[in-house]
Amino acid sequence: MISEMLREGQARSPEERPRPERSRTDCPILLSHRLVLRAPHEDDIDALAHLANNANIANMVARMPHPYTIADAADFVRRTKAGAIGKCVYAITKADNGAFLGCCGIEPHEDGKTVELGYWLGEPYWNQGYATEAAQSLTDMVFRTRDVEQIDARVRVMNIASRRVIQKCGFQFQATGMVQSLAVGGMVPVEWYRLDRKTWVSLKSWGNIG
């Protein structure tokens, strides 16, 4: 969605790092230059509650309450384990020290051909390229492992940073609309973007992304 997402240390390359066990067969652990995307777990609860309890984040995403408590974080982890939130939900963590930075995920549409991308990052980690790195890793995983034709993303009209993230990943503007925001308590204007498989293949071939 709307996202719900993305100092650096000297991390080893993905080829050099030991590959962790897969926690979900359909949602493999994802490695990038600086990040590891893996399933959220109980050890993330304190950091999750601390970072998510931020109006600057909640007001930019669709389904995050504010204030955000330890109980909310524990319930989020429980529901992700039960498969009750989206299709694949990932904790975004730093590869060099395991620090929890935020979350990202995908949710399938009823048409069976489209998934929705969502992400958020804790405010201390903004403007460092982490959201783009996480979104690109997740986008690549979707097109390489899923039989889908396009990925959608929606961002609040006022969220300039999130717009830049999805544009860097190759998403193209489609339309404007309104979505319900839990934190705001009403409808908010958003922009809808889409990346289709053909465009993704072309961009990867040209070396313009990833």
N, C-alpha and C. Protein backbone atom coordinates (compact mmCIF):
# COMPACT_ATOMS: atom_id res chain seq x y z
N MET A 1 0.82 -1.21 0.00
CA MET A 1 0.00 0.00 0.00
C MET A 1 0.82 1.22 0.00
N ILE A 2 0.38 2.05 0.62
CA ILE A 2 0.54 3.42 0.77
C ILE A 2 1.45 3.52 1.89
N SER A 3 2.01 3.73 1.71
CA SER A 3 3.08 2.98 2.03
C SER A 3 3.85 3.36 3.18
N GLU A 4 4.11 2.44 3.51
CA GLU A 4 4.31 1.65 4.65
C GLU A 4 5.71 1.13 4.50
N MET A 5 6.31 1.90 3.96
CA MET A 5 7.50 1.66 4.03
C MET A 5 7.79 2.81 4.44
N LEU A 6 11.37 2.64 3.45
CA LEU A 6 12.10 2.65 3.32
C LEU A 6 12.07 3.91 3.51
N ARG A 7 24.76 4.36 10.55
CA ARG A 7 24.48 4.54 9.19
C ARG A 7 25.13 3.42 8.55
N GLU A 8 24.65 3.49 7.23
CA GLU A 8 24.97 2.23 6.65
C GLU A 8 26.34 1.77 7.10
N GLY A 9 26.47 0.47 7.42
CA GLY A 9 27.74 -0.14 7.75
C GLY A 9 28.29 -0.80 6.53
N GLN A 10 29.46 -1.32 6.66
CA GLN A 10 30.11 -1.99 5.55
C GLN A 10 29.65 -3.44 5.57
N ALA A 11 28.55 -3.72 4.87
CA ALA A 11 27.98 -5.07 4.88
C ALA A 11 28.68 -5.93 3.84
N ARG A 12 28.70 -7.23 4.14
CA ARG A 12 29.21 -8.17 3.15
C ARG A 12 28.23 -8.28 2.00
N SER A 13 28.71 -8.70 0.83
CA SER A 13 27.83 -8.85 -0.31
C SER A 13 26.87 -10.00 -0.05
N PRO A 14 25.69 -10.03 -0.76
CA PRO A 14 24.74 -11.13 -0.57
C PRO A 14 25.36 -12.50 -0.82
N GLU A 15 26.34 -12.56 -1.74
CA GLU A 15 26.96 -13.85 -2.04
C GLU A 15 27.82 -14.35 -0.88
N GLU A 16 28.40 -13.41 -0.11
CA GLU A 16 29.29 -13.79 0.97
C GLU A 16 28.57 -14.07 2.27
N ARG A 17 27.34 -13.51 2.42
CA ARG A 17 26.65 -13.70 3.69
C ARG A 17 26.04 -15.08 3.77
N PRO A 18 26.05 -15.69 4.93
CA PRO A 18 25.36 -16.96 5.08
C PRO A 18 23.87 -16.77 4.85
N ARG A 19 23.24 -17.67 4.15
CA ARG A 19 21.82 -17.56 3.84
C ARG A 19 21.01 -18.21 4.94
N PRO A 20 20.11 -17.44 5.61
CA PRO A 20 19.32 -18.00 6.70
C PRO A 20 18.33 -19.04 6.20
N GLU A 21 17.79 -19.81 7.15
CA GLU A 21 16.75 -20.76 6.83
C GLU A 21 15.50 -20.02 6.33
N ARG A 22 14.80 -20.61 5.42
CA ARG A 22 13.54 -20.03 4.99
C ARG A 22 12.49 -20.25 6.07
N SER A 23 11.76 -19.18 6.37
CA SER A 23 10.73 -19.30 7.37
C SER A 23 9.37 -19.62 6.75
N ARG A 24 9.16 -19.23 5.47
CA ARG A 24 7.91 -19.50 4.78
C ARG A 24 8.26 -19.92 3.37
N THR A 25 7.73 -21.06 2.93
CA THR A 25 8.14 -21.58 1.63
C THR A 25 7.73 -20.66 0.49
N ASP A 26 6.62 -19.93 0.64
CA ASP A 26 6.18 -19.07 -0.44
C ASP A 26 6.70 -17.65 -0.30
N CYS A 27 7.35 -17.34 0.79
CA CYS A 27 7.89 -16.00 1.04
C CYS A 27 9.35 -16.14 1.46
N PRO A 28 10.25 -16.35 0.51
CA PRO A 28 11.64 -16.60 0.86
C PRO A 28 12.29 -15.38 1.50
N ILE A 29 13.27 -15.63 2.34
CA ILE A 29 14.09 -14.53 2.88
C ILE A 29 14.81 -13.86 1.71
N LEU A 30 14.83 -12.54 1.73
CA LEU A 30 15.42 -11.77 0.64
C LEU A 30 16.65 -11.02 1.13
N LEU A 31 17.72 -11.10 0.36
CA LEU A 31 18.97 -10.42 0.70
C LEU A 31 19.28 -9.37 -0.36
N SER A 32 19.67 -8.20 0.08
CA SER A 32 20.17 -7.17 -0.82
C SER A 32 21.52 -6.70 -0.27
N HIS A 33 22.05 -5.62 -0.84
CA HIS A 33 23.40 -5.19 -0.44
C HIS A 33 23.48 -4.87 1.04
N ARG A 34 22.47 -4.15 1.56
CA ARG A 34 22.52 -3.71 2.96
C ARG A 34 21.44 -4.30 3.84
N LEU A 35 20.49 -5.04 3.24
CA LEU A 35 19.30 -5.45 3.98
C LEU A 35 19.06 -6.95 3.95
N VAL A 36 18.35 -7.42 4.97
CA VAL A 36 17.75 -8.75 4.98
C VAL A 36 16.27 -8.56 5.23
N LEU A 37 15.45 -9.09 4.34
CA LEU A 37 14.00 -9.07 4.50
C LEU A 37 13.56 -10.46 4.94
N ARG A 38 12.95 -10.53 6.12
CA ARG A 38 12.57 -11.83 6.71
C ARG A 38 11.24 -11.67 7.43
N ALA A 39 10.70 -12.80 7.90
CA ALA A 39 9.42 -12.75 8.61
C ALA A 39 9.58 -11.99 9.93
N PRO A 40 8.60 -11.17 10.30
CA PRO A 40 8.62 -10.55 11.62
C PRO A 40 8.52 -11.61 12.72
N HIS A 41 9.18 -11.37 13.85
CA HIS A 41 9.07 -12.30 14.97
C HIS A 41 9.06 -11.53 16.29
N GLU A 42 8.92 -12.29 17.38
CA GLU A 42 8.71 -11.66 18.69
C GLU A 42 9.83 -10.72 19.10
N ASP A 43 11.05 -11.00 18.68
CA ASP A 43 12.16 -10.13 19.05
C ASP A 43 12.05 -8.74 18.42
N ASP A 44 11.17 -8.58 17.44
CA ASP A 44 10.99 -7.29 16.78
C ASP A 44 9.98 -6.40 17.50
N ILE A 45 9.24 -6.93 18.45
CA ILE A 45 8.08 -6.22 18.98
C ILE A 45 8.45 -4.87 19.59
N ASP A 46 9.48 -4.82 20.42
CA ASP A 46 9.85 -3.55 21.06
C ASP A 46 10.25 -2.51 20.02
N ALA A 47 11.11 -2.89 19.08
CA ALA A 47 11.56 -1.94 18.05
C ALA A 47 10.41 -1.54 17.15
N LEU A 48 9.54 -2.48 16.83
CA LEU A 48 8.38 -2.19 16.00
C LEU A 48 7.48 -1.16 16.66
N ALA A 49 7.16 -1.39 17.94
CA ALA A 49 6.30 -0.45 18.65
C ALA A 49 6.94 0.93 18.76
N HIS A 50 8.24 0.96 19.01
CA HIS A 50 8.94 2.25 19.16
C HIS A 50 8.92 3.04 17.85
N LEU A 51 9.23 2.38 16.74
CA LEU A 51 9.31 3.09 15.46
C LEU A 51 7.94 3.43 14.90
N ALA A 52 6.97 2.52 15.08
CA ALA A 52 5.65 2.72 14.48
C ALA A 52 4.81 3.74 15.25
N ASN A 53 5.16 4.01 16.49
CA ASN A 53 4.40 4.97 17.28
C ASN A 53 4.83 6.39 16.91
N ASN A 54 4.51 6.76 15.69
CA ASN A 54 4.98 8.02 15.12
C ASN A 54 3.91 8.53 14.16
N ALA A 55 3.33 9.66 14.48
CA ALA A 55 2.26 10.20 13.64
C ALA A 55 2.74 10.50 12.22
N ASN A 56 4.03 10.82 12.07
CA ASN A 56 4.55 11.10 10.73
C ASN A 56 4.50 9.87 9.84
N ILE A 57 4.53 8.68 10.44
CA ILE A 57 4.40 7.44 9.68
C ILE A 57 2.93 7.06 9.55
N ALA A 58 2.22 7.03 10.67
CA ALA A 58 0.82 6.58 10.65
C ALA A 58 -0.04 7.38 9.70
N ASN A 59 0.22 8.68 9.60
CA ASN A 59 -0.58 9.52 8.72
C ASN A 59 -0.32 9.28 7.24
N MET A 60 0.77 8.56 6.93
CA MET A 60 1.12 8.29 5.54
C MET A 60 0.71 6.90 5.08
N VAL A 61 0.28 6.03 6.00
CA VAL A 61 -0.09 4.67 5.64
C VAL A 61 -1.58 4.46 5.89
N ALA A 62 -2.11 3.38 5.35
CA ALA A 62 -3.55 3.20 5.41
C ALA A 62 -4.03 2.56 6.70
N ARG A 63 -3.30 1.57 7.20
CA ARG A 63 -3.88 0.72 8.24
C ARG A 63 -3.07 0.67 9.52
N MET A 64 -2.35 1.72 9.82
CA MET A 64 -1.58 1.77 11.05
C MET A 64 -2.27 2.71 12.05
N PRO A 65 -2.63 2.21 13.23
CA PRO A 65 -3.26 3.08 14.22
C PRO A 65 -2.23 4.02 14.85
N HIS A 66 -2.74 5.08 15.45
CA HIS A 66 -1.88 5.98 16.24
C HIS A 66 -2.68 6.48 17.42
N PRO A 67 -2.14 6.35 18.64
CA PRO A 67 -0.84 5.79 19.01
C PRO A 67 -0.71 4.30 18.68
N TYR A 68 0.52 3.84 18.60
CA TYR A 68 0.83 2.45 18.30
C TYR A 68 1.56 1.86 19.50
N THR A 69 0.98 0.82 20.11
CA THR A 69 1.45 0.31 21.39
C THR A 69 2.19 -1.01 21.25
N ILE A 70 2.77 -1.46 22.35
CA ILE A 70 3.38 -2.79 22.40
C ILE A 70 2.35 -3.86 22.05
N ALA A 71 1.13 -3.69 22.56
CA ALA A 71 0.06 -4.65 22.25
C ALA A 71 -0.24 -4.68 20.76
N ASP A 72 -0.22 -3.51 20.10
CA ASP A 72 -0.43 -3.47 18.65
C ASP A 72 0.68 -4.21 17.92
N ALA A 73 1.92 -4.01 18.37
CA ALA A 73 3.06 -4.67 17.73
C ALA A 73 2.99 -6.18 17.91
N ALA A 74 2.64 -6.63 19.12
CA ALA A 74 2.53 -8.06 19.38
C ALA A 74 1.43 -8.68 18.54
N ASP A 75 0.31 -7.97 18.40
CA ASP A 75 -0.80 -8.47 17.59
C ASP A 75 -0.41 -8.53 16.12
N PHE A 76 0.36 -7.54 15.67
CA PHE A 76 0.83 -7.54 14.28
C PHE A 76 1.70 -8.76 14.00
N VAL A 77 2.64 -9.05 14.88
CA VAL A 77 3.50 -10.22 14.70
C VAL A 77 2.68 -11.50 14.71
N ARG A 78 1.74 -11.59 15.64
CA ARG A 78 0.90 -12.79 15.72
C ARG A 78 0.11 -12.98 14.43
N ARG A 79 -0.47 -11.91 13.91
CA ARG A 79 -1.30 -12.02 12.70
C ARG A 79 -0.46 -12.31 11.46
N THR A 80 0.76 -11.79 11.40
CA THR A 80 1.60 -12.13 10.25
C THR A 80 1.96 -13.61 10.26
N LYS A 81 2.23 -14.16 11.45
CA LYS A 81 2.53 -15.58 11.55
C LYS A 81 1.33 -16.44 11.13
N ALA A 82 0.13 -15.94 11.42
CA ALA A 82 -1.09 -16.68 11.09
C ALA A 82 -1.51 -16.47 9.63
N GLY A 83 -0.78 -15.62 8.91
CA GLY A 83 -1.12 -15.34 7.52
C GLY A 83 -2.34 -14.46 7.35
N ALA A 84 -2.66 -13.68 8.39
CA ALA A 84 -3.86 -12.86 8.37
C ALA A 84 -3.62 -11.47 7.80
N ILE A 85 -2.39 -11.12 7.46
CA ILE A 85 -2.07 -9.80 6.93
C ILE A 85 -1.39 -9.98 5.59
N GLY A 86 -2.09 -9.67 4.51
CA GLY A 86 -1.49 -9.77 3.20
C GLY A 86 -1.07 -11.18 2.86
N LYS A 87 -0.21 -11.32 1.90
CA LYS A 87 0.30 -12.62 1.47
C LYS A 87 1.70 -12.84 1.98
N CYS A 88 2.54 -11.84 1.86
CA CYS A 88 3.92 -11.91 2.38
C CYS A 88 4.20 -10.61 3.11
N VAL A 89 4.52 -10.70 4.37
CA VAL A 89 4.90 -9.53 5.15
C VAL A 89 6.33 -9.74 5.64
N TYR A 90 7.16 -8.74 5.45
CA TYR A 90 8.57 -8.84 5.81
C TYR A 90 8.95 -7.77 6.83
N ALA A 91 9.84 -8.15 7.74
CA ALA A 91 10.57 -7.18 8.53
C ALA A 91 11.78 -6.74 7.71
N ILE A 92 12.00 -5.44 7.62
CA ILE A 92 13.18 -4.91 6.94
C ILE A 92 14.27 -4.75 8.00
N THR A 93 15.38 -5.44 7.84
CA THR A 93 16.45 -5.39 8.83
C THR A 93 17.78 -5.12 8.16
N LYS A 94 18.70 -4.54 8.93
CA LYS A 94 20.05 -4.28 8.41
C LYS A 94 20.85 -5.57 8.37
N ALA A 95 21.57 -5.76 7.29
CA ALA A 95 22.34 -6.99 7.13
C ALA A 95 23.52 -7.08 8.08
N ASP A 96 24.10 -5.93 8.45
CA ASP A 96 25.33 -5.98 9.23
C ASP A 96 25.08 -6.19 10.72
N ASN A 97 23.93 -5.76 11.23
CA ASN A 97 23.71 -5.89 12.68
C ASN A 97 22.31 -6.38 13.06
N GLY A 98 21.46 -6.64 12.07
CA GLY A 98 20.14 -7.17 12.34
C GLY A 98 19.13 -6.16 12.84
N ALA A 99 19.47 -4.86 12.87
CA ALA A 99 18.55 -3.85 13.39
C ALA A 99 17.26 -3.83 12.60
N PHE A 100 16.14 -3.72 13.30
CA PHE A 100 14.82 -3.64 12.68
C PHE A 100 14.58 -2.22 12.19
N LEU A 101 14.22 -2.07 10.91
CA LEU A 101 14.05 -0.75 10.32
C LEU A 101 12.59 -0.43 9.99
N GLY A 102 11.79 -1.45 9.71
CA GLY A 102 10.42 -1.22 9.29
C GLY A 102 9.84 -2.48 8.69
N CYS A 103 8.82 -2.34 7.87
CA CYS A 103 8.15 -3.50 7.27
C CYS A 103 7.80 -3.23 5.82
N CYS A 104 7.65 -4.30 5.06
CA CYS A 104 7.14 -4.21 3.72
C CYS A 104 6.38 -5.50 3.42
N GLY A 105 5.62 -5.50 2.35
CA GLY A 105 4.86 -6.70 2.03
C GLY A 105 4.08 -6.56 0.74
N ILE A 106 3.42 -7.66 0.36
CA ILE A 106 2.56 -7.67 -0.82
C ILE A 106 1.22 -8.27 -0.44
N GLU A 107 0.20 -7.83 -1.13
CA GLU A 107 -1.14 -8.35 -0.92
C GLU A 107 -1.79 -8.60 -2.27
N PRO A 108 -2.29 -9.81 -2.52
CA PRO A 108 -2.85 -10.10 -3.84
C PRO A 108 -4.22 -9.44 -4.05
N HIS A 109 -4.50 -9.07 -5.29
CA HIS A 109 -5.82 -8.59 -5.67
C HIS A 109 -6.69 -9.77 -6.08
N GLU A 110 -7.98 -9.55 -6.11
CA GLU A 110 -8.90 -10.63 -6.45
C GLU A 110 -8.78 -11.08 -7.91
N ASP A 111 -8.20 -10.24 -8.77
CA ASP A 111 -8.10 -10.63 -10.18
C ASP A 111 -7.06 -11.71 -10.42
N GLY A 112 -6.21 -11.99 -9.42
CA GLY A 112 -5.20 -13.03 -9.57
C GLY A 112 -4.01 -12.63 -10.41
N LYS A 113 -4.02 -11.42 -10.95
CA LYS A 113 -2.94 -10.97 -11.83
C LYS A 113 -2.16 -9.81 -11.25
N THR A 114 -2.62 -9.30 -10.11
CA THR A 114 -2.05 -8.08 -9.55
C THR A 114 -1.78 -8.27 -8.07
N VAL A 115 -0.67 -7.72 -7.58
CA VAL A 115 -0.42 -7.63 -6.15
C VAL A 115 -0.16 -6.18 -5.79
N GLU A 116 -0.43 -5.85 -4.54
CA GLU A 116 -0.22 -4.49 -4.03
C GLU A 116 1.03 -4.46 -3.16
N LEU A 117 1.90 -3.52 -3.40
CA LEU A 117 3.13 -3.35 -2.64
C LEU A 117 2.93 -2.30 -1.55
N GLY A 118 3.38 -2.62 -0.34
CA GLY A 118 3.34 -1.66 0.75
C GLY A 118 4.64 -1.68 1.54
N TYR A 119 4.95 -0.56 2.19
CA TYR A 119 6.19 -0.49 2.97
C TYR A 119 6.14 0.71 3.90
N TRP A 120 6.88 0.62 4.99
CA TRP A 120 7.14 1.79 5.83
C TRP A 120 8.47 1.60 6.53
N LEU A 121 9.11 2.69 6.84
CA LEU A 121 10.39 2.69 7.56
C LEU A 121 10.29 3.61 8.77
N GLY A 122 10.99 3.24 9.85
CA GLY A 122 11.11 4.13 10.99
C GLY A 122 11.79 5.42 10.59
N GLU A 123 11.35 6.53 11.18
CA GLU A 123 11.85 7.84 10.76
C GLU A 123 13.37 7.99 10.85
N PRO A 124 14.08 7.36 11.82
CA PRO A 124 15.54 7.50 11.85
C PRO A 124 16.23 6.94 10.60
N TYR A 125 15.50 6.14 9.82
CA TYR A 125 16.11 5.48 8.67
C TYR A 125 15.63 6.06 7.34
N TRP A 126 14.96 7.20 7.38
CA TRP A 126 14.52 7.84 6.14
C TRP A 126 15.69 8.46 5.40
N ASN A 127 15.52 8.61 4.10
CA ASN A 127 16.46 9.34 3.23
C ASN A 127 17.84 8.71 3.18
N GLN A 128 17.89 7.38 3.34
CA GLN A 128 19.16 6.67 3.22
C GLN A 128 19.11 5.56 2.17
N GLY A 129 18.05 5.52 1.39
CA GLY A 129 17.94 4.55 0.31
C GLY A 129 17.42 3.19 0.72
N TYR A 130 17.09 3.01 1.99
CA TYR A 130 16.64 1.69 2.44
C TYR A 130 15.28 1.31 1.85
N ALA A 131 14.36 2.25 1.76
CA ALA A 131 13.04 1.93 1.23
C ALA A 131 13.12 1.49 -0.23
N THR A 132 13.93 2.19 -1.02
CA THR A 132 14.10 1.81 -2.42
C THR A 132 14.72 0.43 -2.54
N GLU A 133 15.72 0.15 -1.72
CA GLU A 133 16.40 -1.15 -1.74
C GLU A 133 15.42 -2.27 -1.37
N ALA A 134 14.60 -2.04 -0.36
CA ALA A 134 13.63 -3.05 0.06
C ALA A 134 12.56 -3.23 -1.01
N ALA A 135 12.05 -2.14 -1.55
CA ALA A 135 11.00 -2.23 -2.57
C ALA A 135 11.49 -2.93 -3.82
N GLN A 136 12.74 -2.66 -4.22
CA GLN A 136 13.29 -3.34 -5.40
C GLN A 136 13.45 -4.83 -5.15
N SER A 137 13.90 -5.21 -3.96
CA SER A 137 14.06 -6.63 -3.64
C SER A 137 12.72 -7.35 -3.68
N LEU A 138 11.71 -6.72 -3.12
CA LEU A 138 10.38 -7.33 -3.08
C LEU A 138 9.77 -7.40 -4.48
N THR A 139 9.94 -6.35 -5.26
CA THR A 139 9.44 -6.33 -6.63
C THR A 139 10.08 -7.44 -7.47
N ASP A 140 11.41 -7.58 -7.36
CA ASP A 140 12.11 -8.62 -8.10
C ASP A 140 11.61 -10.01 -7.70
N MET A 141 11.40 -10.22 -6.39
CA MET A 141 10.91 -11.52 -5.92
C MET A 141 9.55 -11.83 -6.52
N VAL A 142 8.66 -10.84 -6.55
CA VAL A 142 7.31 -11.05 -7.07
C VAL A 142 7.35 -11.50 -8.52
N PHE A 143 8.08 -10.77 -9.36
CA PHE A 143 8.07 -11.10 -10.78
C PHE A 143 8.84 -12.38 -11.08
N ARG A 144 9.79 -12.73 -10.23
CA ARG A 144 10.56 -13.95 -10.47
C ARG A 144 9.88 -15.21 -9.93
N THR A 145 8.99 -15.06 -8.96
CA THR A 145 8.42 -16.25 -8.32
C THR A 145 6.90 -16.31 -8.38
N ARG A 146 6.23 -15.26 -8.84
CA ARG A 146 4.78 -15.23 -8.87
C ARG A 146 4.27 -15.12 -10.30
N ASP A 147 3.14 -15.74 -10.57
CA ASP A 147 2.51 -15.65 -11.88
C ASP A 147 1.55 -14.46 -11.87
N VAL A 148 2.11 -13.26 -11.80
CA VAL A 148 1.33 -12.03 -11.80
C VAL A 148 1.80 -11.14 -12.94
N GLU A 149 0.92 -10.24 -13.36
CA GLU A 149 1.23 -9.39 -14.50
C GLU A 149 1.64 -7.98 -14.09
N GLN A 150 1.24 -7.55 -12.87
CA GLN A 150 1.58 -6.19 -12.48
C GLN A 150 1.57 -6.05 -10.96
N ILE A 151 2.31 -5.04 -10.51
CA ILE A 151 2.35 -4.68 -9.10
C ILE A 151 1.84 -3.25 -8.98
N ASP A 152 0.92 -3.04 -8.06
CA ASP A 152 0.39 -1.70 -7.80
C ASP A 152 0.98 -1.14 -6.52
N ALA A 153 1.01 0.16 -6.41
CA ALA A 153 1.41 0.85 -5.19
C ALA A 153 0.63 2.16 -5.11
N ARG A 154 0.24 2.53 -3.90
CA ARG A 154 -0.48 3.78 -3.70
C ARG A 154 0.24 4.60 -2.63
N VAL A 155 0.38 5.87 -2.88
CA VAL A 155 1.05 6.75 -1.93
C VAL A 155 0.19 7.98 -1.70
N ARG A 156 0.24 8.53 -0.51
CA ARG A 156 -0.47 9.77 -0.26
C ARG A 156 0.09 10.87 -1.15
N VAL A 157 -0.76 11.71 -1.64
CA VAL A 157 -0.36 12.77 -2.56
C VAL A 157 0.75 13.62 -1.96
N MET A 158 0.72 13.81 -0.63
CA MET A 158 1.70 14.65 0.04
C MET A 158 3.01 13.93 0.36
N ASN A 159 3.08 12.62 0.07
CA ASN A 159 4.25 11.82 0.46
C ASN A 159 5.28 11.81 -0.67
N ILE A 160 6.06 12.87 -0.74
CA ILE A 160 7.03 13.03 -1.84
C ILE A 160 8.10 11.94 -1.80
N ALA A 161 8.58 11.58 -0.61
CA ALA A 161 9.64 10.58 -0.50
C ALA A 161 9.18 9.22 -0.99
N SER A 162 7.97 8.82 -0.62
CA SER A 162 7.46 7.52 -1.06
C SER A 162 7.23 7.50 -2.56
N ARG A 163 6.80 8.62 -3.11
CA ARG A 163 6.63 8.71 -4.56
C ARG A 163 7.97 8.49 -5.27
N ARG A 164 9.03 9.08 -4.72
CA ARG A 164 10.35 8.90 -5.34
C ARG A 164 10.79 7.44 -5.29
N VAL A 165 10.46 6.76 -4.19
CA VAL A 165 10.84 5.35 -4.05
C VAL A 165 10.25 4.52 -5.18
N ILE A 166 8.95 4.61 -5.37
CA ILE A 166 8.33 3.74 -6.37
C ILE A 166 8.68 4.18 -7.80
N GLN A 167 8.93 5.46 -7.99
CA GLN A 167 9.37 5.89 -9.32
C GLN A 167 10.76 5.34 -9.63
N LYS A 168 11.64 5.30 -8.63
CA LYS A 168 12.97 4.71 -8.84
C LYS A 168 12.87 3.23 -9.17
N CYS A 169 11.83 2.58 -8.69
CA CYS A 169 11.63 1.16 -8.95
C CYS A 169 10.93 0.91 -10.29
N GLY A 170 10.62 1.96 -11.02
CA GLY A 170 10.04 1.82 -12.34
C GLY A 170 8.54 1.92 -12.44
N PHE A 171 7.86 2.20 -11.32
CA PHE A 171 6.40 2.31 -11.34
C PHE A 171 5.98 3.57 -12.10
N GLN A 172 4.84 3.44 -12.81
CA GLN A 172 4.33 4.54 -13.61
C GLN A 172 2.98 5.01 -13.05
N PHE A 173 2.78 6.33 -13.06
CA PHE A 173 1.54 6.91 -12.55
C PHE A 173 0.35 6.44 -13.36
N GLN A 174 -0.76 6.12 -12.63
CA GLN A 174 -1.98 5.67 -13.28
C GLN A 174 -3.15 6.63 -13.07
N ALA A 175 -3.38 7.00 -11.80
CA ALA A 175 -4.55 7.84 -11.50
C ALA A 175 -4.45 8.32 -10.06
N THR A 176 -5.38 9.19 -9.69
CA THR A 176 -5.53 9.61 -8.31
C THR A 176 -6.82 8.98 -7.76
N GLY A 177 -6.91 8.93 -6.43
CA GLY A 177 -8.09 8.35 -5.81
C GLY A 177 -8.11 8.65 -4.32
N MET A 178 -8.99 7.95 -3.62
CA MET A 178 -9.13 8.14 -2.18
C MET A 178 -9.08 6.76 -1.50
N VAL A 179 -8.44 6.70 -0.32
CA VAL A 179 -8.43 5.48 0.47
C VAL A 179 -8.71 5.84 1.93
N GLN A 180 -9.18 4.86 2.67
CA GLN A 180 -9.45 5.05 4.09
C GLN A 180 -8.14 5.00 4.88
N SER A 181 -7.93 5.95 5.77
CA SER A 181 -6.75 5.97 6.64
C SER A 181 -7.19 5.77 8.08
N LEU A 182 -6.66 4.74 8.72
CA LEU A 182 -7.03 4.43 10.10
C LEU A 182 -6.59 5.53 11.04
N ALA A 183 -5.36 6.02 10.87
CA ALA A 183 -4.84 7.04 11.78
C ALA A 183 -5.56 8.38 11.61
N VAL A 184 -5.84 8.74 10.37
CA VAL A 184 -6.52 10.01 10.10
C VAL A 184 -7.99 9.94 10.47
N GLY A 185 -8.55 8.72 10.34
CA GLY A 185 -9.95 8.55 10.66
C GLY A 185 -10.89 8.99 9.55
N GLY A 186 -10.44 8.86 8.32
CA GLY A 186 -11.27 9.25 7.19
C GLY A 186 -10.55 8.96 5.88
N MET A 187 -11.11 9.45 4.80
CA MET A 187 -10.53 9.23 3.48
C MET A 187 -9.43 10.27 3.21
N VAL A 188 -8.37 9.80 2.52
CA VAL A 188 -7.27 10.68 2.16
C VAL A 188 -6.95 10.49 0.67
N PRO A 189 -6.46 11.55 0.00
CA PRO A 189 -6.13 11.43 -1.42
C PRO A 189 -4.80 10.70 -1.63
N VAL A 190 -4.79 9.83 -2.64
CA VAL A 190 -3.60 9.06 -2.95
C VAL A 190 -3.36 9.07 -4.45
N GLU A 191 -2.14 8.74 -4.82
CA GLU A 191 -1.78 8.50 -6.21
C GLU A 191 -1.55 7.01 -6.40
N TRP A 192 -2.03 6.49 -7.51
CA TRP A 192 -1.91 5.06 -7.83
C TRP A 192 -0.85 4.90 -8.92
N TYR A 193 0.10 4.00 -8.64
CA TYR A 193 1.18 3.68 -9.57
C TYR A 193 1.17 2.19 -9.88
N ARG A 194 1.72 1.83 -11.04
CA ARG A 194 1.76 0.42 -11.45
C ARG A 194 3.06 0.12 -12.18
N LEU A 195 3.60 -1.08 -11.93
CA LEU A 195 4.74 -1.62 -12.68
C LEU A 195 4.29 -2.95 -13.26
N ASP A 196 4.28 -3.06 -14.60
CA ASP A 196 3.88 -4.32 -15.22
C ASP A 196 5.11 -5.17 -15.54
N ARG A 197 4.88 -6.44 -15.76
CA ARG A 197 5.99 -7.37 -15.97
C ARG A 197 6.84 -6.99 -17.17
N LYS A 198 6.23 -6.58 -18.26
CA LYS A 198 6.99 -6.24 -19.46
C LYS A 198 7.93 -5.07 -19.20
N THR A 199 7.44 -4.05 -18.49
CA THR A 199 8.29 -2.91 -18.16
C THR A 199 9.42 -3.32 -17.23
N TRP A 200 9.11 -4.16 -16.23
CA TRP A 200 10.13 -4.64 -15.30
C TRP A 200 11.24 -5.39 -16.04
N VAL A 201 10.86 -6.28 -16.96
CA VAL A 201 11.86 -7.03 -17.73
C VAL A 201 12.74 -6.08 -18.54
N SER A 202 12.12 -5.08 -19.16
CA SER A 202 12.89 -4.12 -19.95
C SER A 202 13.86 -3.34 -19.09
N LEU A 203 13.39 -2.87 -17.93
CA LEU A 203 14.26 -2.10 -17.05
C LEU A 203 15.41 -2.94 -16.52
N LYS A 204 15.15 -4.20 -16.17
CA LYS A 204 16.23 -5.08 -15.71
C LYS A 204 17.23 -5.33 -16.84
N SER A 205 16.73 -5.49 -18.05
CA SER A 205 17.61 -5.73 -19.20
C SER A 205 18.49 -4.53 -19.49
N TRP A 206 17.92 -3.36 -19.31
CA TRP A 206 18.69 -2.12 -19.55
C TRP A 206 19.57 -1.76 -18.37
N GLY A 207 19.40 -2.44 -17.26
CA GLY A 207 20.19 -2.14 -16.07
C GLY A 207 19.75 -0.88 -15.34
N ASN A 208 18.49 -0.47 -15.58
CA ASN A 208 18.02 0.78 -14.98
C ASN A 208 17.53 0.59 -13.55
N ILE A 209 17.21 -0.66 -13.15
CA ILE A 209 16.85 -0.94 -11.77
C ILE A 209 17.57 -2.18 -11.33
N GLY A 210 17.86 -2.22 -10.03
CA GLY A 210 18.48 -3.40 -9.43
C GLY A 210 19.82 -3.71 -9.99
